[in-house]
């Protein structure tokens, strides 16, 4: 019986480690995409990036964050999400995510392009 409890307890610890690793990968990918975007805006809880002729959307879908290009596709980029917010701060995007275990993560991503000329 004891090994079964150890496996169950270790699984919870492993989930937290995996979630943290997934968050780091997500941050790395979205920072790069935001840096290369010519425009960013938040509309109806979605982050919309413009890059060349593509429109890239990040949105919460069920318990996941997904990425869509030109309103097509379904690329899961972050799992186990209970809440997410995107907000514009000067020439940056702040992303806040709460996972299904209640832990909050946040990242601020800066652009190489000035999205708000004159500000």
N, C-alpha and C. Protein backbone atom coordinates (compact mmCIF):
# COMPACT_ATOMS: atom_id res chain seq x y z
N UNK A 1 0.81 -1.20 0.00
CA UNK A 1 0.00 0.00 0.00
C UNK A 1 0.85 1.27 0.00
N UNK A 2 1.92 1.27 0.79
CA UNK A 2 2.76 2.46 0.89
C UNK A 2 3.33 2.89 -0.47
N UNK A 3 3.82 1.98 -1.32
CA UNK A 3 4.32 2.42 -2.63
C UNK A 3 3.26 3.11 -3.48
N UNK A 4 2.01 2.70 -3.34
CA UNK A 4 0.94 3.33 -4.11
C UNK A 4 0.77 4.79 -3.68
N UNK A 5 0.78 5.04 -2.37
CA UNK A 5 0.68 6.42 -1.88
C UNK A 5 1.88 7.26 -2.33
N UNK A 6 3.06 6.66 -2.34
CA UNK A 6 4.24 7.39 -2.79
C UNK A 6 4.12 7.76 -4.27
N UNK A 7 3.58 6.87 -5.07
CA UNK A 7 3.39 7.15 -6.49
C UNK A 7 2.39 8.29 -6.66
N UNK A 8 1.30 8.25 -5.93
CA UNK A 8 0.27 9.30 -6.02
C UNK A 8 0.85 10.64 -5.59
N UNK A 9 1.56 10.68 -4.48
CA UNK A 9 2.15 11.93 -4.00
C UNK A 9 3.21 12.45 -4.96
N UNK A 10 4.02 11.56 -5.51
CA UNK A 10 5.05 11.98 -6.47
C UNK A 10 4.43 12.51 -7.76
N UNK A 11 3.28 11.97 -8.14
CA UNK A 11 2.61 12.44 -9.35
C UNK A 11 2.21 13.90 -9.20
N UNK A 12 1.71 14.29 -8.02
CA UNK A 12 1.33 15.70 -7.80
C UNK A 12 2.56 16.61 -7.90
N UNK A 13 3.66 16.18 -7.35
CA UNK A 13 4.90 16.95 -7.44
C UNK A 13 5.39 17.04 -8.87
N UNK A 14 5.27 15.93 -9.60
CA UNK A 14 5.69 15.91 -11.00
C UNK A 14 4.82 16.84 -11.84
N UNK A 15 3.52 16.89 -11.54
CA UNK A 15 2.61 17.78 -12.28
C UNK A 15 3.05 19.23 -12.13
N UNK A 16 3.43 19.63 -10.92
CA UNK A 16 3.85 21.00 -10.68
C UNK A 16 5.16 21.30 -11.43
N UNK A 17 6.07 20.35 -11.44
CA UNK A 17 7.34 20.54 -12.16
C UNK A 17 7.09 20.64 -13.65
N UNK A 18 6.24 19.76 -14.18
CA UNK A 18 5.92 19.80 -15.60
C UNK A 18 5.23 21.10 -15.98
N UNK A 19 4.33 21.59 -15.13
CA UNK A 19 3.63 22.84 -15.40
C UNK A 19 4.62 24.00 -15.45
N UNK A 20 5.56 24.04 -14.53
CA UNK A 20 6.57 25.10 -14.51
C UNK A 20 7.44 25.03 -15.76
N UNK A 21 7.80 23.83 -16.19
CA UNK A 21 8.60 23.67 -17.40
C UNK A 21 7.82 24.10 -18.63
N UNK A 22 6.54 23.73 -18.69
CA UNK A 22 5.69 24.12 -19.81
C UNK A 22 5.55 25.65 -19.86
N UNK A 23 5.43 26.28 -18.70
CA UNK A 23 5.33 27.74 -18.63
C UNK A 23 6.59 28.38 -19.21
N UNK A 24 7.76 27.86 -18.87
CA UNK A 24 9.02 28.41 -19.37
C UNK A 24 9.11 28.31 -20.89
N UNK A 25 8.70 27.18 -21.44
CA UNK A 25 8.70 27.00 -22.90
C UNK A 25 7.72 27.99 -23.54
N UNK A 26 6.53 28.10 -22.96
CA UNK A 26 5.53 29.05 -23.45
C UNK A 26 6.09 30.47 -23.47
N UNK A 27 6.72 30.89 -22.37
CA UNK A 27 7.28 32.24 -22.27
C UNK A 27 8.32 32.49 -23.35
N UNK A 28 9.19 31.54 -23.55
CA UNK A 28 10.23 31.67 -24.57
C UNK A 28 9.62 31.85 -25.96
N UNK A 29 8.62 31.05 -26.28
CA UNK A 29 7.99 31.11 -27.60
C UNK A 29 7.22 32.41 -27.81
N UNK A 30 6.44 32.81 -26.82
CA UNK A 30 5.60 34.00 -27.02
C UNK A 30 6.45 35.27 -27.00
N UNK A 31 7.53 35.31 -26.23
CA UNK A 31 8.42 36.47 -26.24
C UNK A 31 8.99 36.68 -27.64
N UNK A 32 9.42 35.60 -28.25
CA UNK A 32 9.98 35.69 -29.61
C UNK A 32 8.92 36.17 -30.59
N UNK A 33 7.72 35.62 -30.50
CA UNK A 33 6.66 36.00 -31.43
C UNK A 33 6.26 37.47 -31.25
N UNK A 34 6.20 37.93 -30.03
CA UNK A 34 5.85 39.33 -29.78
C UNK A 34 6.96 40.26 -30.27
N UNK A 35 8.20 39.89 -30.05
CA UNK A 35 9.33 40.71 -30.53
C UNK A 35 9.28 40.91 -32.03
N UNK A 36 8.83 39.88 -32.75
CA UNK A 36 8.82 39.92 -34.22
C UNK A 36 7.52 40.45 -34.81
N UNK A 37 6.55 40.79 -33.98
CA UNK A 37 5.26 41.26 -34.46
C UNK A 37 5.29 42.75 -34.75
N UNK A 38 4.53 43.15 -35.75
CA UNK A 38 4.46 44.56 -36.09
C UNK A 38 3.34 45.28 -35.34
N UNK A 39 2.44 44.50 -34.74
CA UNK A 39 1.33 45.09 -34.00
C UNK A 39 0.80 44.08 -32.99
N UNK A 40 0.28 44.59 -31.88
CA UNK A 40 -0.36 43.74 -30.86
C UNK A 40 -1.55 44.48 -30.30
N UNK A 41 -2.60 43.73 -30.01
CA UNK A 41 -3.78 44.31 -29.36
C UNK A 41 -4.50 43.20 -28.59
N UNK A 42 -5.26 43.63 -27.61
CA UNK A 42 -6.08 42.71 -26.83
C UNK A 42 -7.53 43.02 -27.15
N UNK A 43 -8.24 42.01 -27.65
CA UNK A 43 -9.64 42.16 -28.03
C UNK A 43 -10.43 41.00 -27.45
N UNK A 44 -11.43 41.31 -26.64
CA UNK A 44 -12.31 40.28 -26.04
C UNK A 44 -11.53 39.16 -25.37
N UNK A 45 -10.51 39.52 -24.61
CA UNK A 45 -9.74 38.54 -23.87
C UNK A 45 -8.73 37.75 -24.69
N UNK A 46 -8.58 38.10 -25.96
CA UNK A 46 -7.63 37.43 -26.84
C UNK A 46 -6.47 38.38 -27.15
N UNK A 47 -5.28 37.80 -27.26
CA UNK A 47 -4.13 38.56 -27.72
C UNK A 47 -4.05 38.35 -29.22
N UNK A 48 -4.04 39.46 -29.97
CA UNK A 48 -3.97 39.38 -31.43
C UNK A 48 -2.69 40.08 -31.88
N UNK A 49 -1.84 39.31 -32.54
CA UNK A 49 -0.58 39.82 -33.06
C UNK A 49 -0.63 39.86 -34.58
N UNK A 50 -0.02 40.88 -35.16
CA UNK A 50 0.10 40.96 -36.61
C UNK A 50 1.57 40.82 -36.96
N UNK A 51 1.84 39.90 -37.87
CA UNK A 51 3.22 39.64 -38.30
C UNK A 51 3.19 39.41 -39.81
N UNK A 52 3.76 40.34 -40.55
CA UNK A 52 3.70 40.31 -42.02
C UNK A 52 2.23 40.27 -42.44
N UNK A 53 1.81 39.22 -43.12
CA UNK A 53 0.42 39.12 -43.58
C UNK A 53 -0.41 38.21 -42.68
N UNK A 54 0.17 37.74 -41.58
CA UNK A 54 -0.53 36.81 -40.70
C UNK A 54 -1.11 37.52 -39.48
N UNK A 55 -2.26 37.02 -39.03
CA UNK A 55 -2.85 37.44 -37.77
C UNK A 55 -2.80 36.24 -36.85
N UNK A 56 -2.15 36.40 -35.71
CA UNK A 56 -1.95 35.30 -34.77
C UNK A 56 -2.74 35.60 -33.51
N UNK A 57 -3.59 34.66 -33.10
CA UNK A 57 -4.43 34.84 -31.92
C UNK A 57 -3.99 33.87 -30.83
N UNK A 58 -3.92 34.39 -29.61
CA UNK A 58 -3.73 33.57 -28.42
C UNK A 58 -5.00 33.71 -27.61
N UNK A 59 -5.59 32.58 -27.22
CA UNK A 59 -6.85 32.65 -26.48
C UNK A 59 -6.99 31.43 -25.58
N UNK A 60 -7.79 31.61 -24.53
CA UNK A 60 -8.11 30.49 -23.65
C UNK A 60 -9.17 29.65 -24.34
N UNK A 61 -8.98 28.35 -24.33
CA UNK A 61 -9.92 27.42 -24.96
C UNK A 61 -10.07 26.23 -24.01
N UNK A 62 -11.17 26.19 -23.28
CA UNK A 62 -11.33 25.15 -22.25
C UNK A 62 -10.29 25.40 -21.16
N UNK A 63 -9.51 24.38 -20.85
CA UNK A 63 -8.47 24.53 -19.83
C UNK A 63 -7.09 24.68 -20.48
N UNK A 64 -7.06 25.18 -21.71
CA UNK A 64 -5.81 25.36 -22.45
C UNK A 64 -5.70 26.78 -22.98
N UNK A 65 -4.48 27.17 -23.30
CA UNK A 65 -4.26 28.35 -24.13
C UNK A 65 -3.92 27.81 -25.50
N UNK A 66 -4.54 28.39 -26.52
CA UNK A 66 -4.25 27.93 -27.87
C UNK A 66 -3.80 29.07 -28.75
N UNK A 67 -3.13 28.70 -29.82
CA UNK A 67 -2.62 29.65 -30.82
C UNK A 67 -3.28 29.32 -32.14
N UNK A 68 -3.75 30.38 -32.81
CA UNK A 68 -4.38 30.21 -34.13
C UNK A 68 -3.77 31.23 -35.08
N UNK A 69 -3.57 30.82 -36.32
CA UNK A 69 -3.02 31.70 -37.33
C UNK A 69 -4.10 31.94 -38.38
N UNK A 70 -4.40 33.23 -38.62
CA UNK A 70 -5.44 33.61 -39.57
C UNK A 70 -6.77 32.91 -39.27
N UNK A 71 -7.10 32.82 -37.98
CA UNK A 71 -8.35 32.21 -37.48
C UNK A 71 -8.50 30.74 -37.84
N UNK A 72 -7.41 30.07 -38.14
CA UNK A 72 -7.47 28.63 -38.40
C UNK A 72 -6.45 27.92 -37.52
N UNK A 73 -6.64 26.65 -37.35
CA UNK A 73 -5.71 25.84 -36.55
C UNK A 73 -6.13 25.77 -35.10
N UNK A 74 -5.41 24.94 -34.39
CA UNK A 74 -5.73 24.69 -32.98
C UNK A 74 -4.46 24.15 -32.32
N UNK A 75 -3.49 25.04 -32.10
CA UNK A 75 -2.22 24.65 -31.49
C UNK A 75 -2.28 24.92 -30.00
N UNK A 76 -2.27 23.85 -29.20
CA UNK A 76 -2.27 23.99 -27.74
C UNK A 76 -0.87 24.41 -27.31
N UNK A 77 -0.79 25.54 -26.62
CA UNK A 77 0.52 26.04 -26.22
C UNK A 77 0.74 26.01 -24.71
N UNK A 78 -0.35 25.86 -23.94
CA UNK A 78 -0.24 25.77 -22.49
C UNK A 78 -1.46 25.03 -21.97
N UNK A 79 -1.24 24.05 -21.11
CA UNK A 79 -2.31 23.22 -20.58
C UNK A 79 -2.59 23.55 -19.11
N UNK A 80 -3.69 23.03 -18.61
CA UNK A 80 -4.07 23.16 -17.20
C UNK A 80 -4.21 24.62 -16.77
N UNK A 81 -4.94 25.39 -17.58
CA UNK A 81 -5.13 26.82 -17.32
C UNK A 81 -6.55 27.05 -16.81
N UNK A 82 -6.66 27.69 -15.65
CA UNK A 82 -8.01 28.01 -15.16
C UNK A 82 -8.38 29.46 -15.51
N UNK A 83 -7.39 30.37 -15.54
CA UNK A 83 -7.64 31.77 -15.90
C UNK A 83 -6.46 32.31 -16.67
N UNK A 84 -6.75 33.23 -17.59
CA UNK A 84 -5.66 33.91 -18.30
C UNK A 84 -6.09 35.34 -18.62
N UNK A 85 -5.14 36.26 -18.57
CA UNK A 85 -5.41 37.64 -18.98
C UNK A 85 -4.23 38.14 -19.80
N UNK A 86 -4.58 38.94 -20.79
CA UNK A 86 -3.60 39.62 -21.62
C UNK A 86 -3.86 41.12 -21.45
N UNK A 87 -2.81 41.90 -21.24
CA UNK A 87 -3.00 43.34 -21.12
C UNK A 87 -1.83 44.06 -21.78
N UNK A 88 -2.15 45.20 -22.37
CA UNK A 88 -1.15 46.03 -23.04
C UNK A 88 -0.59 47.03 -22.04
N UNK A 89 0.73 47.12 -22.01
CA UNK A 89 1.42 48.07 -21.14
C UNK A 89 2.47 48.76 -22.00
N UNK A 90 2.20 50.02 -22.39
CA UNK A 90 3.11 50.75 -23.30
C UNK A 90 3.43 49.89 -24.51
N UNK A 91 4.69 49.56 -24.70
CA UNK A 91 5.10 48.76 -25.86
C UNK A 91 5.37 47.32 -25.46
N UNK A 92 4.50 46.79 -24.59
CA UNK A 92 4.68 45.43 -24.10
C UNK A 92 3.32 44.77 -23.86
N UNK A 93 3.37 43.47 -23.73
CA UNK A 93 2.18 42.69 -23.40
C UNK A 93 2.46 41.96 -22.09
N UNK A 94 1.54 42.09 -21.14
CA UNK A 94 1.65 41.33 -19.89
C UNK A 94 0.66 40.18 -19.96
N UNK A 95 1.15 38.99 -19.67
CA UNK A 95 0.33 37.78 -19.69
C UNK A 95 0.34 37.20 -18.28
N UNK A 96 -0.85 36.98 -17.76
CA UNK A 96 -1.00 36.38 -16.44
C UNK A 96 -1.86 35.14 -16.58
N UNK A 97 -1.38 34.05 -16.01
CA UNK A 97 -2.08 32.76 -16.11
C UNK A 97 -2.15 32.15 -14.72
N UNK A 98 -3.30 31.60 -14.38
CA UNK A 98 -3.46 30.82 -13.16
C UNK A 98 -3.72 29.39 -13.60
N UNK A 99 -2.94 28.46 -13.05
CA UNK A 99 -3.12 27.06 -13.44
C UNK A 99 -4.25 26.42 -12.63
N UNK A 100 -4.57 25.19 -12.95
CA UNK A 100 -5.69 24.51 -12.31
C UNK A 100 -5.42 24.18 -10.85
N UNK A 101 -4.17 24.34 -10.40
CA UNK A 101 -3.83 24.12 -8.99
C UNK A 101 -3.79 25.43 -8.22
N UNK A 102 -4.10 26.55 -8.90
CA UNK A 102 -4.16 27.84 -8.22
C UNK A 102 -2.88 28.65 -8.23
N UNK A 103 -1.83 28.15 -8.86
CA UNK A 103 -0.57 28.89 -8.93
C UNK A 103 -0.64 29.90 -10.06
N UNK A 104 -0.19 31.14 -9.76
CA UNK A 104 -0.23 32.21 -10.76
C UNK A 104 1.15 32.42 -11.36
N UNK A 105 1.16 32.61 -12.68
CA UNK A 105 2.38 32.89 -13.43
C UNK A 105 2.16 34.20 -14.18
N UNK A 106 3.22 34.97 -14.38
CA UNK A 106 3.10 36.21 -15.14
C UNK A 106 4.40 36.46 -15.90
N UNK A 107 4.25 37.05 -17.08
CA UNK A 107 5.40 37.44 -17.88
C UNK A 107 5.06 38.71 -18.64
N UNK A 108 6.04 39.57 -18.81
CA UNK A 108 5.88 40.77 -19.63
C UNK A 108 6.81 40.62 -20.83
N UNK A 109 6.23 40.78 -22.02
CA UNK A 109 6.96 40.58 -23.27
C UNK A 109 7.05 41.91 -24.01
N UNK A 110 8.25 42.29 -24.39
CA UNK A 110 8.49 43.58 -25.03
C UNK A 110 8.69 43.41 -26.53
N UNK A 111 8.27 44.43 -27.28
CA UNK A 111 8.40 44.43 -28.72
C UNK A 111 9.66 45.18 -29.15
N UNK A 112 10.20 44.79 -30.30
CA UNK A 112 11.31 45.54 -30.90
C UNK A 112 10.78 46.70 -31.73
N UNK A 113 9.48 46.64 -32.05
CA UNK A 113 8.83 47.66 -32.88
C UNK A 113 7.96 48.52 -31.97
N UNK A 114 7.91 49.81 -32.23
CA UNK A 114 7.05 50.69 -31.44
C UNK A 114 5.62 50.57 -31.97
N UNK A 115 4.75 49.90 -31.20
CA UNK A 115 3.36 49.69 -31.61
C UNK A 115 2.53 50.96 -31.46
N UNK A 116 2.96 51.86 -30.58
CA UNK A 116 2.18 53.06 -30.28
C UNK A 116 2.96 54.32 -30.63
N UNK A 117 3.09 54.62 -31.92
CA UNK A 117 3.83 55.83 -32.27
C UNK A 117 3.21 57.06 -31.60
N UNK A 118 4.06 57.95 -31.16
CA UNK A 118 3.58 59.19 -30.54
C UNK A 118 3.34 59.08 -29.06
N UNK A 119 3.57 57.88 -28.46
CA UNK A 119 3.38 57.76 -27.00
C UNK A 119 4.70 57.64 -26.32
